Amino acid sequence: MALTEQVKLGIDLGGTKTEAVLLDSRGEIVWRQRQLTPAQDYHAILQTIKTLLLAAEQQAGLDLSVGIGTPGAISPRSGILRNSNTVCMNGKNLLQDLQQTLQRPVRIQNDANCFALSEAIDGAAAGAATVFGVIIGTGTGAGIVVEQKIQTGQHAIAGEWGHNFLPWPQPFDVARPCFCGKHSCIETFLSGPGMAANAEALSGIGLDSRTWVERAWRGDEVAQQQMEHYFDQMARALAHVINMLDPDVIVLGGGMSNIDEIYQQVPQRLAQYVFSDFVETKILPPKFGDSSGVRGAAWLW
């Protein structure tokens, strides 16, 4: 059945699945469809997005503009996509190719920017002037939203917090190379694989991050010690952001954001690193969880 009210289309182009949603004027998801992402075939990715657009337009009963969230960012100089973990898209003019394929207006933003926008408009940080939205999962990414507008910066890298050096190094920070070519990036400590690798280097026990968290919950002393390290690393990394941006709210997303203790343990550690006589920055879980990215893509319009 066609929808009678104005709706917005958002598409989240992930490495495993591509999801499309329609948002109504109240920000409610009124239609959703997912397809597997043909991650090795660039032209097949374009056709997957076209298929989802046609399905959405049939549902909506009108032509739609398209908002897309994707890993990586489009270079303001060359127009090509870079730094995507769906590597077949790197070096391609994704925006131009999509507009030719879809014959529709298209807006594209980094997926972390879309996450931050969703949470700033009507999510956990609704009403906040400055929002820093973080995705912590297999990697780390972040976006900056000021007065409900994404801040991309001159080089379209605003919010690339995960590829900065982890500040105030401690003996339990085990330096490792990052895929970006540097060492000791925040991502190599706070991402799920990063936390697991740091814990293994210290304890000699090879476990994934989920298992470390579960062991800590059950009272395992070694696991609890590793979690203490992780909370301190998180506090230092976020204090670095607070010292530079001083956001009203930091919203955490991605798999690692599901660790409930973060929201008690990290704030109480911030004061020793933040250059202020008090710290009131809110650190919150996302209101919309895994749907924040695709909702933010719809809000690009």
Protein backbone atom coordinates (compact mmCIF):
# COMPACT_ATOMS: atom_id res chain seq x y z
CA MET A 1 0.00 0.00 0.00
CA ALA A 2 1.37 3.41 -0.97
CA LEU A 3 2.06 5.88 1.81
CA THR A 4 0.06 9.09 1.77
CA GLU A 5 2.41 11.38 3.70
CA GLN A 6 5.79 12.74 2.72
CA VAL A 7 8.56 10.28 3.55
CA LYS A 8 12.36 10.22 3.40
CA LEU A 9 14.48 7.35 2.08
CA GLY A 10 17.68 6.34 3.84
CA ILE A 11 20.05 3.58 2.74
CA ASP A 12 22.84 2.15 4.89
CA LEU A 13 25.48 0.58 2.65
CA GLY A 14 27.20 -1.90 4.93
CA GLY A 15 29.87 -4.45 4.20
CA THR A 16 27.50 -7.37 4.87
CA LYS A 17 24.01 -5.97 4.27
CA THR A 18 22.45 -2.96 2.62
CA GLU A 19 19.38 -1.64 4.39
CA ALA A 20 16.75 0.84 3.20
CA VAL A 21 14.10 2.54 5.33
CA LEU A 22 11.38 5.12 4.85
CA LEU A 23 10.96 7.68 7.62
CA ASP A 24 7.72 9.56 8.03
CA SER A 25 7.52 13.19 9.10
CA ARG A 26 7.66 12.15 12.78
CA GLY A 27 10.86 10.16 12.31
CA GLU A 28 9.11 6.77 12.51
CA ILE A 29 10.32 3.93 10.29
CA VAL A 30 7.29 2.96 8.19
CA TRP A 31 9.02 0.57 5.78
CA ARG A 32 12.25 -1.42 5.84
CA GLN A 33 14.00 -3.77 3.45
CA ARG A 34 17.43 -5.42 3.50
CA GLN A 35 19.60 -7.16 0.94
CA LEU A 36 23.00 -8.79 1.17
CA THR A 37 25.75 -6.49 -0.04
CA PRO A 38 27.68 -7.94 -3.03
CA ALA A 39 30.83 -6.64 -1.41
CA GLN A 40 33.23 -7.79 -4.13
CA ASP A 41 31.34 -6.30 -7.09
CA TYR A 42 31.05 -2.52 -7.40
CA HIS A 43 28.50 -2.52 -10.22
CA ALA A 44 26.37 -5.07 -8.39
CA ILE A 45 26.36 -2.72 -5.36
CA LEU A 46 24.98 0.06 -7.55
CA GLN A 47 22.24 -2.26 -8.80
CA THR A 48 21.40 -3.39 -5.25
CA ILE A 49 20.81 0.23 -4.28
CA LYS A 50 18.68 0.76 -7.39
CA THR A 51 16.56 -2.28 -6.51
CA LEU A 52 15.97 -0.93 -3.00
CA LEU A 53 15.11 2.52 -4.37
CA LEU A 54 12.51 1.08 -6.76
CA ALA A 55 10.97 -0.99 -3.95
CA ALA A 56 10.83 2.08 -1.70
CA GLU A 57 9.23 4.22 -4.41
CA GLN A 58 6.61 1.56 -5.05
CA GLN A 59 5.83 1.55 -1.34
CA ALA A 60 5.78 5.35 -1.04
CA GLY A 61 3.88 6.04 -4.23
CA LEU A 62 6.18 8.91 -5.23
CA ASP A 63 9.65 9.64 -6.56
CA LEU A 64 12.22 9.84 -3.78
CA SER A 65 15.54 11.54 -3.24
CA VAL A 66 18.15 9.25 -1.71
CA GLY A 67 20.32 9.61 1.41
CA ILE A 68 23.12 7.07 1.77
CA GLY A 69 25.46 6.25 4.63
CA THR A 70 28.64 4.36 3.80
CA PRO A 71 31.98 3.55 5.40
CA GLY A 72 34.67 5.85 4.09
CA ALA A 73 34.36 9.39 2.83
CA ILE A 74 34.27 11.17 -0.50
CA SER A 75 37.31 13.33 -1.19
CA PRO A 76 36.32 16.97 -1.70
CA ARG A 77 39.20 17.31 -4.17
CA SER A 78 38.80 14.27 -6.44
CA GLY A 79 35.23 13.14 -5.72
CA ILE A 80 36.37 9.56 -5.18
CA LEU A 81 35.50 7.37 -2.21
CA ARG A 82 38.36 6.49 0.11
CA ASN A 83 38.91 4.51 3.33
CA SER A 84 35.91 2.19 2.84
CA ASN A 85 36.20 -1.32 4.23
CA THR A 86 34.18 -2.45 1.20
CA VAL A 87 37.36 -2.08 -0.75
CA CYS A 88 35.89 -2.46 -4.25
CA MET A 89 34.32 0.99 -3.80
CA ASN A 90 37.58 2.78 -2.99
CA GLY A 91 38.83 4.91 -5.85
CA LYS A 92 35.36 5.09 -7.42
CA ASN A 93 33.25 8.21 -7.95
CA LEU A 94 30.37 6.73 -5.99
CA LEU A 95 28.18 9.83 -5.92
CA GLN A 96 28.42 10.41 -9.66
CA ASP A 97 27.87 6.73 -10.47
CA LEU A 98 24.84 6.50 -8.18
CA GLN A 99 23.22 9.61 -9.62
CA GLN A 100 23.67 8.19 -13.12
CA THR A 101 22.34 4.77 -12.08
CA LEU A 102 19.39 6.01 -10.05
CA GLN A 103 18.50 9.14 -12.01
CA ARG A 104 17.67 10.75 -8.68
CA PRO A 105 19.31 13.32 -6.40
CA VAL A 106 21.67 11.58 -3.97
CA ARG A 107 23.39 12.72 -0.78
CA ILE A 108 26.15 10.60 0.75
CA GLN A 109 27.80 10.78 4.16
CA ASN A 110 30.09 8.62 6.22
CA ASP A 111 28.11 6.10 8.27
CA ALA A 112 29.38 7.49 11.58
CA ASN A 113 28.22 10.96 10.52
CA CYS A 114 24.78 9.50 9.81
CA PHE A 115 24.76 7.80 13.22
CA ALA A 116 25.62 11.08 14.94
CA LEU A 117 22.98 13.00 12.96
CA SER A 118 20.22 10.54 13.85
CA GLU A 119 21.03 10.67 17.55
CA ALA A 120 21.33 14.48 17.48
CA ILE A 121 18.00 15.08 15.72
CA ASP A 122 15.66 12.88 17.75
CA GLY A 123 17.81 10.32 19.51
CA ALA A 124 19.73 10.20 22.79
CA ALA A 125 21.24 13.66 22.17
CA ALA A 126 18.10 15.42 20.95
CA GLY A 127 18.22 19.09 21.90
CA ALA A 128 21.99 19.18 22.42
CA ALA A 129 23.91 21.88 20.55
CA THR A 130 27.10 19.86 19.93
CA VAL A 131 27.12 16.07 19.63
CA PHE A 132 29.99 13.66 19.15
CA GLY A 133 28.70 10.31 17.90
CA VAL A 134 31.00 7.31 18.10
CA ILE A 135 30.74 3.86 16.52
CA ILE A 136 32.91 1.27 18.28
CA GLY A 137 32.73 -2.19 16.76
CA THR A 138 35.17 -4.00 14.50
CA GLY A 139 36.67 -0.54 13.95
CA THR A 140 36.07 2.91 15.32
CA GLY A 141 34.51 5.94 13.68
CA ALA A 142 32.89 9.15 14.79
CA GLY A 143 30.90 12.11 13.57
CA ILE A 144 30.38 15.68 14.76
CA VAL A 145 26.99 17.39 14.63
CA VAL A 146 26.49 21.04 15.60
CA GLU A 147 22.97 22.48 15.72
CA GLN A 148 21.74 19.35 13.89
CA LYS A 149 24.17 19.82 11.00
CA ILE A 150 26.99 17.40 10.18
CA GLN A 151 30.44 18.95 10.31
CA THR A 152 32.59 17.35 7.61
CA GLY A 153 35.56 19.73 7.54
CA GLN A 154 37.81 20.87 4.73
CA HIS A 155 39.07 17.35 4.00
CA ALA A 156 35.85 15.47 4.86
CA ILE A 157 37.57 13.81 7.81
CA ALA A 158 36.02 15.64 10.77
CA GLY A 159 35.44 13.08 13.51
CA GLU A 160 38.17 10.63 12.42
CA TRP A 161 38.99 10.21 16.07
CA GLY A 162 39.96 6.55 15.83
CA HIS A 163 43.10 7.31 13.83
CA ASN A 164 44.73 9.54 16.39
CA PHE A 165 47.31 8.40 18.92
CA LEU A 166 45.84 7.15 22.20
CA PRO A 167 46.77 9.97 24.61
CA TRP A 168 48.60 9.75 27.93
CA PRO A 169 50.13 6.28 27.31
CA GLN A 170 50.11 3.79 30.19
CA PRO A 171 52.23 0.63 30.73
CA PHE A 172 49.23 -1.55 29.84
CA ASP A 173 48.84 0.08 26.40
CA VAL A 174 50.45 -2.44 24.06
CA ALA A 175 51.42 -0.65 20.83
CA ARG A 176 50.24 -2.30 17.62
CA PRO A 177 50.17 -1.26 13.98
CA CYS A 178 46.90 0.07 12.57
CA PHE A 179 45.65 -0.61 9.05
CA CYS A 180 46.10 3.12 8.34
CA GLY A 181 49.88 2.66 8.54
CA LYS A 182 50.43 4.24 11.97
CA HIS A 183 50.91 2.69 15.42
CA SER A 184 48.87 2.98 18.63
CA CYS A 185 45.80 4.49 17.03
CA ILE A 186 42.75 4.69 19.28
CA GLU A 187 41.10 2.07 17.07
CA THR A 188 43.75 -0.50 17.96
CA PHE A 189 42.67 -0.28 21.62
CA LEU A 190 38.95 0.50 21.69
CA SER A 191 37.56 -1.56 18.81
CA GLY A 192 36.42 -5.08 19.64
CA PRO A 193 39.46 -6.72 18.01
CA GLY A 194 41.69 -4.04 19.53
CA MET A 195 40.49 -4.67 23.06
CA ALA A 196 40.92 -8.41 22.61
CA ALA A 197 44.44 -8.02 21.20
CA ASN A 198 45.51 -5.71 24.03
CA ALA A 199 44.13 -8.13 26.63
CA GLU A 200 45.88 -11.08 24.99
CA ALA A 201 49.21 -9.24 24.90
CA LEU A 202 48.95 -8.56 28.64
CA SER A 203 47.52 -11.85 29.85
CA GLY A 204 48.64 -14.39 27.26
CA ILE A 205 45.01 -15.51 26.93
CA GLY A 206 43.46 -15.36 23.46
CA LEU A 207 39.76 -14.51 23.68
CA ASP A 208 37.43 -12.32 21.68
CA SER A 209 36.06 -9.13 23.24
CA ARG A 210 32.63 -10.61 23.93
CA THR A 211 34.19 -13.44 25.96
CA TRP A 212 36.36 -11.04 27.94
CA VAL A 213 33.26 -9.04 28.88
CA GLU A 214 31.29 -12.16 29.83
CA ARG A 215 34.16 -13.43 32.01
CA ALA A 216 34.35 -10.08 33.77
CA TRP A 217 30.62 -10.21 34.50
CA ARG A 218 31.11 -13.65 36.07
CA GLY A 219 33.79 -12.29 38.39
CA ASP A 220 36.95 -13.50 36.64
CA GLU A 221 39.74 -11.35 38.15
CA VAL A 222 41.94 -11.34 35.04
CA ALA A 223 39.02 -10.30 32.85
CA GLN A 224 38.00 -7.60 35.31
CA GLN A 225 41.52 -6.21 35.22
CA GLN A 226 41.41 -6.11 31.41
CA MET A 227 38.09 -4.28 31.53
CA GLU A 228 39.58 -1.72 33.94
CA HIS A 229 42.31 -1.10 31.36
CA TYR A 230 39.68 -0.71 28.65
CA PHE A 231 37.63 1.80 30.64
CA ASP A 232 40.74 3.88 31.29
CA GLN A 233 41.69 3.81 27.60
CA MET A 234 38.16 4.87 26.69
CA ALA A 235 38.26 7.72 29.21
CA ARG A 236 41.56 9.02 27.85
CA ALA A 237 40.35 8.83 24.25
CA LEU A 238 37.09 10.66 25.02
CA ALA A 239 38.81 13.22 27.25
CA HIS A 240 40.94 14.10 24.23
CA VAL A 241 37.72 14.91 22.36
CA ILE A 242 36.29 16.90 25.25
CA ASN A 243 39.47 18.97 25.50
CA MET A 244 39.23 19.89 21.80
CA LEU A 245 35.50 19.97 21.00
CA ASP A 246 33.80 20.17 24.41
CA PRO A 247 30.58 18.53 23.18
CA ASP A 248 27.38 18.58 25.19
CA VAL A 249 26.77 14.87 24.60
CA ILE A 250 28.83 11.89 23.44
CA VAL A 251 26.72 9.03 22.10
CA LEU A 252 28.33 5.60 21.79
CA GLY A 253 27.20 3.08 19.19
CA GLY A 254 28.46 -0.20 17.75
CA GLY A 255 28.89 -3.53 19.48
CA MET A 256 31.22 -2.30 22.22
CA SER A 257 28.68 0.34 23.27
CA ASN A 258 26.55 -2.51 24.65
CA ILE A 259 28.92 -2.84 27.63
CA ASP A 260 26.67 -1.31 30.28
CA GLU A 261 29.52 -0.54 32.67
CA ILE A 262 30.99 1.99 30.23
CA TYR A 263 28.35 4.54 31.18
CA GLN A 264 29.28 4.41 34.86
CA GLN A 265 33.00 3.63 34.73
CA VAL A 266 34.18 6.01 32.01
CA PRO A 267 32.58 9.26 33.25
CA GLN A 268 34.12 8.87 36.70
CA ARG A 269 37.58 8.61 35.12
CA LEU A 270 37.30 11.71 32.91
CA ALA A 271 38.20 14.34 35.49
CA GLN A 272 41.85 13.27 35.70
CA TYR A 273 42.29 13.87 31.95
CA VAL A 274 39.94 16.75 31.06
CA PHE A 275 41.42 20.26 31.30
CA SER A 276 38.62 21.65 33.46
CA ASP A 277 37.69 21.97 37.13
CA PHE A 278 34.54 19.90 36.50
CA VAL A 279 33.26 17.51 33.82
CA GLU A 280 29.56 17.26 33.00
CA THR A 281 29.74 15.82 29.49
CA LYS A 282 26.99 13.23 29.08
CA ILE A 283 28.07 9.85 27.70
CA LEU A 284 25.01 7.95 26.53
CA PRO A 285 24.00 4.80 24.64
CA PRO A 286 22.09 5.37 21.39
CA LYS A 287 18.33 5.63 21.38
CA PHE A 288 17.98 3.91 18.03
CA GLY A 289 20.80 1.35 18.24
CA ASP A 290 21.65 -0.30 14.94
CA SER A 291 18.98 1.75 13.17
CA SER A 292 20.70 5.07 13.84
CA GLY A 293 22.91 4.93 10.74
CA VAL A 294 20.12 4.30 8.25
CA ARG A 295 17.85 6.83 9.96
CA GLY A 296 20.62 9.41 9.73
CA ALA A 297 20.97 8.70 6.02
CA ALA A 298 17.28 9.54 5.60
CA TRP A 299 17.73 12.73 7.64
CA LEU A 300 20.38 13.94 5.13
CA TRP A 301 17.42 15.42 3.27
